[in-house]
C-alpha atoms as a PDB file:
ATOM      1  CA  UNK A   1       5.260  18.514  -2.364  1.00  0.00           C
ATOM      2  CA  UNK A   2       6.128  14.912  -3.188  1.00  0.00           C
ATOM      3  CA  UNK A   3       6.335  13.953   0.485  1.00  0.00           C
ATOM      4  CA  UNK A   4       2.898  15.417   1.141  1.00  0.00           C
ATOM      5  CA  UNK A   5       1.481  13.791  -1.994  1.00  0.00           C
ATOM      6  CA  UNK A   6       2.984  10.428  -1.035  1.00  0.00           C
ATOM      7  CA  UNK A   7       1.300  10.577   2.381  1.00  0.00           C
ATOM      8  CA  UNK A   8      -2.081  11.442   0.892  1.00  0.00           C
ATOM      9  CA  UNK A   9      -1.956   8.847  -1.882  1.00  0.00           C
ATOM     10  CA  UNK A  10      -0.902   6.219   0.665  1.00  0.00           C
ATOM     11  CA  UNK A  11      -3.721   7.107   3.046  1.00  0.00           C
ATOM     12  CA  UNK A  12      -6.558   7.916   0.658  1.00  0.00           C
ATOM     13  CA  UNK A  13      -5.604   6.308  -2.661  1.00  0.00           C
ATOM     14  CA  UNK A  14      -5.782   8.056  -6.004  1.00  0.00           C
ATOM     15  CA  UNK A  15      -9.511   8.762  -5.994  1.00  0.00           C
ATOM     16  CA  UNK A  16      -9.580  10.011  -2.401  1.00  0.00           C
ATOM     17  CA  UNK A  17      -6.633  12.398  -2.709  1.00  0.00           C
ATOM     18  CA  UNK A  18      -7.408  16.081  -3.351  1.00  0.00           C
ATOM     19  CA  UNK A  19      -4.870  18.476  -4.829  1.00  0.00           C
ATOM     20  CA  UNK A  20      -6.027  21.210  -2.423  1.00  0.00           C
ATOM     21  CA  UNK A  21      -5.263  18.997   0.580  1.00  0.00           C
ATOM     22  CA  UNK A  22      -1.837  18.080  -0.787  1.00  0.00           C
ATOM     23  CA  UNK A  23      -0.974  21.731  -1.348  1.00  0.00           C
ATOM     24  CA  UNK A  24      -2.115  22.608   2.173  1.00  0.00           C
ATOM     25  CA  UNK A  25      -0.033  19.793   3.680  1.00  0.00           C
ATOM     26  CA  UNK A  26       2.981  20.905   1.625  1.00  0.00           C
ATOM     27  CA  UNK A  27       2.576  24.498   2.811  1.00  0.00           C
ATOM     28  CA  UNK A  28       2.181  25.947  -0.665  1.00  0.00           C
ATOM     29  CA  UNK A  29      -0.545  27.439  -2.804  1.00  0.00           C
ATOM     30  CA  UNK A  30      -2.572  25.191  -5.076  1.00  0.00           C
ATOM     31  CA  UNK A  31      -1.371  27.204  -8.046  1.00  0.00           C
ATOM     32  CA  UNK A  32       2.265  26.609  -7.100  1.00  0.00           C
ATOM     33  CA  UNK A  33       1.658  22.874  -7.108  1.00  0.00           C
ATOM     34  CA  UNK A  34       0.039  23.076 -10.527  1.00  0.00           C
ATOM     35  CA  UNK A  35       3.144  24.862 -11.829  1.00  0.00           C
ATOM     36  CA  UNK A  36       5.121  21.704 -11.044  1.00  0.00           C
ATOM     37  CA  UNK A  37       2.456  19.127 -11.952  1.00  0.00           C
ATOM     38  CA  UNK A  38      -0.314  19.848 -14.497  1.00  0.00           C
ATOM     39  CA  UNK A  39      -2.798  17.441 -12.880  1.00  0.00           C
ATOM     40  CA  UNK A  40      -3.272  14.830 -10.177  1.00  0.00           C
ATOM     41  CA  UNK A  41      -2.280  12.023 -12.534  1.00  0.00           C
ATOM     42  CA  UNK A  42       1.105  13.641 -13.225  1.00  0.00           C
ATOM     43  CA  UNK A  43       1.676  14.122  -9.496  1.00  0.00           C
ATOM     44  CA  UNK A  44       0.820  10.494  -8.820  1.00  0.00           C
ATOM     45  CA  UNK A  45       3.132   9.240 -11.558  1.00  0.00           C
ATOM     46  CA  UNK A  46       6.020  11.222 -10.064  1.00  0.00           C
ATOM     47  CA  UNK A  47       5.289   9.760  -6.607  1.00  0.00           C
ATOM     48  CA  UNK A  48       5.197   6.252  -8.091  1.00  0.00           C
ATOM     49  CA  UNK A  49       8.505   6.769  -9.874  1.00  0.00           C
ATOM     50  CA  UNK A  50      10.159   8.084  -6.709  1.00  0.00           C
ATOM     51  CA  UNK A  51       8.910   5.182  -4.594  1.00  0.00           C
ATOM     52  CA  UNK A  52      10.054   2.561  -7.078  1.00  0.00           C
ATOM     53  CA  UNK A  53      13.442   4.246  -7.540  1.00  0.00           C
ATOM     54  CA  UNK A  54      13.963   4.033  -3.800  1.00  0.00           C
ATOM     55  CA  UNK A  55      12.799   0.411  -3.653  1.00  0.00           C
ATOM     56  CA  UNK A  56      15.014  -0.531  -6.602  1.00  0.00           C
ATOM     57  CA  UNK A  57      18.065   1.040  -4.941  1.00  0.00           C
ATOM     58  CA  UNK A  58      17.473  -1.037  -1.803  1.00  0.00           C
ATOM     59  CA  UNK A  59      16.914  -4.153  -3.918  1.00  0.00           C
ATOM     60  CA  UNK A  60      20.252  -3.657  -5.679  1.00  0.00           C
ATOM     61  CA  UNK A  61      21.968  -3.212  -2.328  1.00  0.00           C
ATOM     62  CA  UNK A  62      20.332  -6.075  -0.413  1.00  0.00           C
ATOM     63  CA  UNK A  63      19.632  -8.732  -3.055  1.00  0.00           C
ATOM     64  CA  UNK A  64      21.626  -8.322  -6.269  1.00  0.00           C
ATOM     65  CA  UNK A  65      24.980  -8.681  -4.520  1.00  0.00           C
ATOM     66  CA  UNK A  66      24.225 -12.119  -3.011  1.00  0.00           C
ATOM     67  CA  UNK A  67      26.639 -14.789  -4.233  1.00  0.00           C
ATOM     68  CA  UNK A  68      24.058 -17.564  -4.670  1.00  0.00           C
ATOM     69  CA  UNK A  69      21.608 -17.240  -7.598  1.00  0.00           C
ATOM     70  CA  UNK A  70      19.098 -19.389  -5.690  1.00  0.00           C
ATOM     71  CA  UNK A  71      19.369 -17.048  -2.695  1.00  0.00           C
ATOM     72  CA  UNK A  72      18.883 -14.030  -4.973  1.00  0.00           C
ATOM     73  CA  UNK A  73      15.620 -15.423  -6.357  1.00  0.00           C
ATOM     74  CA  UNK A  74      14.295 -16.396  -2.929  1.00  0.00           C
ATOM     75  CA  UNK A  75      15.284 -13.053  -1.423  1.00  0.00           C
ATOM     76  CA  UNK A  76      13.585 -11.256  -4.315  1.00  0.00           C
ATOM     77  CA  UNK A  77      10.249 -12.534  -3.017  1.00  0.00           C
ATOM     78  CA  UNK A  78      11.152 -12.011   0.642  1.00  0.00           C
ATOM     79  CA  UNK A  79      12.300  -8.463  -0.165  1.00  0.00           C
ATOM     80  CA  UNK A  80       8.925  -7.639  -1.756  1.00  0.00           C
ATOM     81  CA  UNK A  81       7.129  -8.717   1.423  1.00  0.00           C
ATOM     82  CA  UNK A  82       9.524  -6.705   3.587  1.00  0.00           C
ATOM     83  CA  UNK A  83       8.885  -3.595   1.514  1.00  0.00           C
ATOM     84  CA  UNK A  84       5.168  -3.953   2.170  1.00  0.00           C
ATOM     85  CA  UNK A  85       5.943  -3.518   5.877  1.00  0.00           C
ATOM     86  CA  UNK A  86       8.542  -0.745   5.798  1.00  0.00           C
ATOM     87  CA  UNK A  87       7.114   1.247   2.866  1.00  0.00           C
ATOM     88  CA  UNK A  88       3.306   1.595   3.193  1.00  0.00           C
ATOM     89  CA  UNK A  89       3.074   3.519  -0.068  1.00  0.00           C
ATOM     90  CA  UNK A  90       4.639   0.529  -1.844  1.00  0.00           C
ATOM     91  CA  UNK A  91       1.837  -1.673  -0.523  1.00  0.00           C
ATOM     92  CA  UNK A  92      -0.819   0.805  -1.637  1.00  0.00           C
ATOM     93  CA  UNK A  93       0.718   1.128  -5.083  1.00  0.00           C
ATOM     94  CA  UNK A  94       0.754  -2.658  -5.505  1.00  0.00           C
ATOM     95  CA  UNK A  95      -2.917  -2.876  -4.544  1.00  0.00           C
ATOM     96  CA  UNK A  96      -3.848  -0.069  -6.920  1.00  0.00           C
ATOM     97  CA  UNK A  97      -1.536  -1.212  -9.711  1.00  0.00           C
ATOM     98  CA  UNK A  98      -4.252  -2.148 -12.273  1.00  0.00           C
ATOM     99  CA  UNK A  99      -5.853   1.294 -11.826  1.00  0.00           C
ATOM    100  CA  UNK A 100      -2.524   3.109 -11.890  1.00  0.00           C
ATOM    101  CA  UNK A 101      -1.458   1.462 -15.132  1.00  0.00           C
ATOM    102  CA  UNK A 102      -4.387   3.101 -16.893  1.00  0.00           C
ATOM    103  CA  UNK A 103      -3.068   6.517 -15.901  1.00  0.00           C
ATOM    104  CA  UNK A 104       0.151   6.182 -17.878  1.00  0.00           C
ATOM    105  CA  UNK A 105       0.074   7.361 -21.491  1.00  0.00           C
ATOM    106  CA  UNK A 106       0.847   4.584 -24.013  1.00  0.00           C
ATOM    107  CA  UNK A 107       4.086   6.315 -25.040  1.00  0.00           C
ATOM    108  CA  UNK A 108       5.271   6.332 -21.419  1.00  0.00           C
ATOM    109  CA  UNK A 109       4.384   2.681 -20.957  1.00  0.00           C
ATOM    110  CA  UNK A 110       6.292   1.820 -24.131  1.00  0.00           C
ATOM    111  CA  UNK A 111       9.294   3.804 -22.920  1.00  0.00           C
ATOM    112  CA  UNK A 112       9.389   1.753 -19.720  1.00  0.00           C
ATOM    113  CA  UNK A 113       9.268  -1.613 -21.456  1.00  0.00           C
ATOM    114  CA  UNK A 114      13.080  -1.884 -21.894  1.00  0.00           C
ATOM    115  CA  UNK A 115      13.510  -1.509 -18.126  1.00  0.00           C
ATOM    116  CA  UNK A 116      10.803  -4.102 -17.482  1.00  0.00           C
ATOM    117  CA  UNK A 117      12.414  -6.474 -19.965  1.00  0.00           C
ATOM    118  CA  UNK A 118      15.798  -5.937 -18.298  1.00  0.00           C
ATOM    119  CA  UNK A 119      14.345  -6.973 -14.923  1.00  0.00           C
ATOM    120  CA  UNK A 120      12.734 -10.071 -16.463  1.00  0.00           C
ATOM    121  CA  UNK A 121      16.007 -11.002 -18.176  1.00  0.00           C
ATOM    122  CA  UNK A 122      17.884 -10.492 -14.914  1.00  0.00           C
ATOM    123  CA  UNK A 123      15.685 -12.976 -13.042  1.00  0.00           C
ATOM    124  CA  UNK A 124      15.776 -15.487 -15.901  1.00  0.00           C
ATOM    125  CA  UNK A 125      19.566 -15.114 -16.015  1.00  0.00           C
ATOM    126  CA  UNK A 126      19.756 -15.993 -12.342  1.00  0.00           C
ATOM    127  CA  UNK A 127      17.835 -19.185 -13.113  1.00  0.00           C
ATOM    128  CA  UNK A 128      20.354 -20.084 -15.831  1.00  0.00           C
ATOM    129  CA  UNK A 129      23.224 -19.380 -13.457  1.00  0.00           C
ATOM    130  CA  UNK A 130      21.635 -21.456 -10.704  1.00  0.00           C
ATOM    131  CA  UNK A 131      21.061 -24.403 -13.042  1.00  0.00           C
ATOM    132  CA  UNK A 132      24.659 -24.253 -14.240  1.00  0.00           C
ATOM    133  CA  UNK A 133      25.869 -24.258 -10.628  1.00  0.00           C
ATOM    134  CA  UNK A 134      23.584 -27.141  -9.655  1.00  0.00           C
ATOM    135  CA  UNK A 135      21.534 -25.033  -7.223  1.00  0.00           C
ATOM    136  CA  UNK A 136      18.309 -24.832  -9.231  1.00  0.00           C
ATOM    137  CA  UNK A 137      16.231 -27.538 -10.926  1.00  0.00           C
ATOM    138  CA  UNK A 138      17.208 -28.033 -14.544  1.00  0.00           C
ATOM    139  CA  UNK A 139      13.562 -28.526 -15.569  1.00  0.00           C
ATOM    140  CA  UNK A 140      12.422 -25.162 -14.183  1.00  0.00           C
ATOM    141  CA  UNK A 141      10.533 -22.911 -16.624  1.00  0.00           C
ATOM    142  CA  UNK A 142      12.965 -20.006 -16.533  1.00  0.00           C
ATOM    143  CA  UNK A 143      10.820 -17.815 -18.801  1.00  0.00           C
ATOM    144  CA  UNK A 144       7.765 -18.112 -16.540  1.00  0.00           C
ATOM    145  CA  UNK A 145       9.569 -17.615 -13.219  1.00  0.00           C
ATOM    146  CA  UNK A 146       9.703 -13.778 -13.302  1.00  0.00           C
ATOM    147  CA  UNK A 147       5.939 -13.696 -13.818  1.00  0.00           C
ATOM    148  CA  UNK A 148       5.400 -16.243 -11.023  1.00  0.00           C
ATOM    149  CA  UNK A 149       7.300 -13.936  -8.670  1.00  0.00           C
ATOM    150  CA  UNK A 150       5.134 -11.082  -9.911  1.00  0.00           C
ATOM    151  CA  UNK A 151       2.014 -13.014  -8.954  1.00  0.00           C
ATOM    152  CA  UNK A 152       3.337 -14.168  -5.580  1.00  0.00           C
ATOM    153  CA  UNK A 153       4.233 -10.641  -4.498  1.00  0.00           C
ATOM    154  CA  UNK A 154       0.485  -9.905  -4.404  1.00  0.00           C
ATOM    155  CA  UNK A 155      -0.118 -12.703  -1.870  1.00  0.00           C
ATOM    156  CA  UNK A 156      -0.384 -10.279   1.099  1.00  0.00           C
ATOM    157  CA  UNK A 157      -3.603  -8.890  -0.387  1.00  0.00           C
ATOM    158  CA  UNK A 158      -5.185 -12.294   0.361  1.00  0.00           C
ATOM    159  CA  UNK A 159      -4.123 -12.379   4.016  1.00  0.00           C
ATOM    160  CA  UNK A 160      -7.315 -10.770   5.379  1.00  0.00           C
ATOM    161  CA  UNK A 161      -9.078 -13.985   4.350  1.00  0.00           C
ATOM    162  CA  UNK A 162      -7.064 -15.846   7.023  1.00  0.00           C
ATOM    163  CA  UNK A 163      -7.437 -13.141   9.683  1.00  0.00           C
ATOM    164  CA  UNK A 164      -7.945 -14.680  13.109  1.00  0.00           C
ATOM    165  CA  UNK A 165      -6.867 -18.130  11.965  1.00  0.00           C
ATOM    166  CA  UNK A 166      -3.108 -17.710  11.529  1.00  0.00           C
ATOM    167  CA  UNK A 167      -0.632 -14.825  11.609  1.00  0.00           C
ATOM    168  CA  UNK A 168      -0.058 -13.269   8.193  1.00  0.00           C
ATOM    169  CA  UNK A 169       3.699 -13.137   8.732  1.00  0.00           C
ATOM    170  CA  UNK A 170       3.727 -16.882   9.267  1.00  0.00           C
ATOM    171  CA  UNK A 171       1.845 -17.488   6.021  1.00  0.00           C
ATOM    172  CA  UNK A 172       4.264 -15.318   4.024  1.00  0.00           C
ATOM    173  CA  UNK A 173       7.296 -16.996   5.614  1.00  0.00           C
ATOM    174  CA  UNK A 174       5.885 -20.408   4.685  1.00  0.00           C
ATOM    175  CA  UNK A 175       5.199 -19.209   1.157  1.00  0.00           C
ATOM    176  CA  UNK A 176       8.828 -18.119   0.756  1.00  0.00           C
ATOM    177  CA  UNK A 177      10.012 -21.495   2.104  1.00  0.00           C
ATOM    178  CA  UNK A 178       7.772 -23.390  -0.322  1.00  0.00           C
ATOM    179  CA  UNK A 179       8.943 -21.186  -3.184  1.00  0.00           C
ATOM    180  CA  UNK A 180      12.584 -21.884  -2.266  1.00  0.00           C
ATOM    181  CA  UNK A 181      11.961 -25.632  -2.065  1.00  0.00           C
ATOM    182  CA  UNK A 182      10.312 -25.588  -5.483  1.00  0.00           C
ATOM    183  CA  UNK A 183      13.353 -23.932  -7.045  1.00  0.00           C
ATOM    184  CA  UNK A 184      16.074 -25.987  -5.400  1.00  0.00           C
ATOM    185  CA  UNK A 185      17.786 -28.793  -7.278  1.00  0.00           C
ATOM    186  CA  UNK A 186      16.948 -32.199  -5.903  1.00  0.00           C
ATOM    187  CA  UNK A 187      19.738 -34.554  -4.809  1.00  0.00           C
ATOM    188  CA  UNK A 188      20.288 -37.648  -6.913  1.00  0.00           C
ATOM    189  CA  UNK A 189      18.366 -40.669  -5.636  1.00  0.00           C
ATOM    190  CA  UNK A 190      20.335 -43.645  -4.408  1.00  0.00           C
ATOM    191  CA  UNK A 191      19.659 -47.317  -5.205  1.00  0.00           C
ATOM    192  CA  UNK A 192      16.178 -48.450  -4.294  1.00  0.00           C
ATOM    193  CA  UNK A 193      16.368 -51.790  -2.542  1.00  0.00           C
ATOM    194  CA  UNK A 194      13.010 -51.803  -0.753  1.00  0.00           C
ATOM    195  CA  UNK A 195      10.797 -51.864  -3.875  1.00  0.00           C
ATOM    196  CA  UNK A 196      12.795 -54.821  -5.174  1.00  0.00           C
ATOM    197  CA  UNK A 197      12.242 -56.675  -1.907  1.00  0.00           C
ATOM    198  CA  UNK A 198       8.495 -56.002  -2.069  1.00  0.00           C
ATOM    199  CA  UNK A 199       8.443 -57.283  -5.666  1.00  0.00           C
ATOM    200  CA  UNK A 200      10.194 -60.464  -4.543  1.00  0.00           C
ATOM    201  CA  UNK A 201       7.527 -61.090  -1.901  1.00  0.00           C
ATOM    202  CA  UNK A 202       4.753 -60.559  -4.433  1.00  0.00           C
ATOM    203  CA  UNK A 203       6.418 -63.045  -6.784  1.00  0.00           C
ATOM    204  CA  UNK A 204       6.570 -65.678  -3.987  1.00  0.00           C
ATOM    205  CA  UNK A 205       3.461 -65.101  -1.880  1.00  0.00           C
ATOM    206  CA  UNK A 206       3.475 -68.561  -0.228  1.00  0.00           C
ATOM    207  CA  UNK A 207       5.736 -69.287   2.701  1.00  0.00           C
ATOM    208  CA  UNK A 208       7.002 -72.774   3.403  1.00  0.00           C
ATOM    209  CA  UNK A 209       5.932 -74.223   6.704  1.00  0.00           C
END
């Protein structure tokens, strides 16, 4: 049932999916589906939870174990873009996220807040670790960074604007590179001799003949 529902929600979205069509694709009666899920909203929420459980398991395996905190943060963004390619339902759920949030009862949203807070704290903790190790800029706003990543993961929705001008994959790769450069600690500057020389010339503008 969930596999059939996932395919329909991915293809048609929430509004375009019909319970009758899901039941037919799953090879069961409509009534049997309603025994498991009281309505379409409940079915969608279960599909969402399954997709994000799967994505989170892959994230823990591919990103969390990296030794470098800077690499973990950069790969967090790269991983989100990769999931958009390999998991179409993930892309659809991200696009529909504002609408989907309305479907969750307030009590359910409140129950999920500890998990959301844990993810935010995890990313902020990586910033602290990276600063301590000299990998990440000390002046970085560590509290804002998790929300910046949240905004950047929606960048692929803007790619149709550049269609025909540049490949979307190239834009996303550049975005990850720019994000990484913005996080990285800058090397200490050496002595600046050239500005002093220019100042000397300005102080003595006339040359002797």
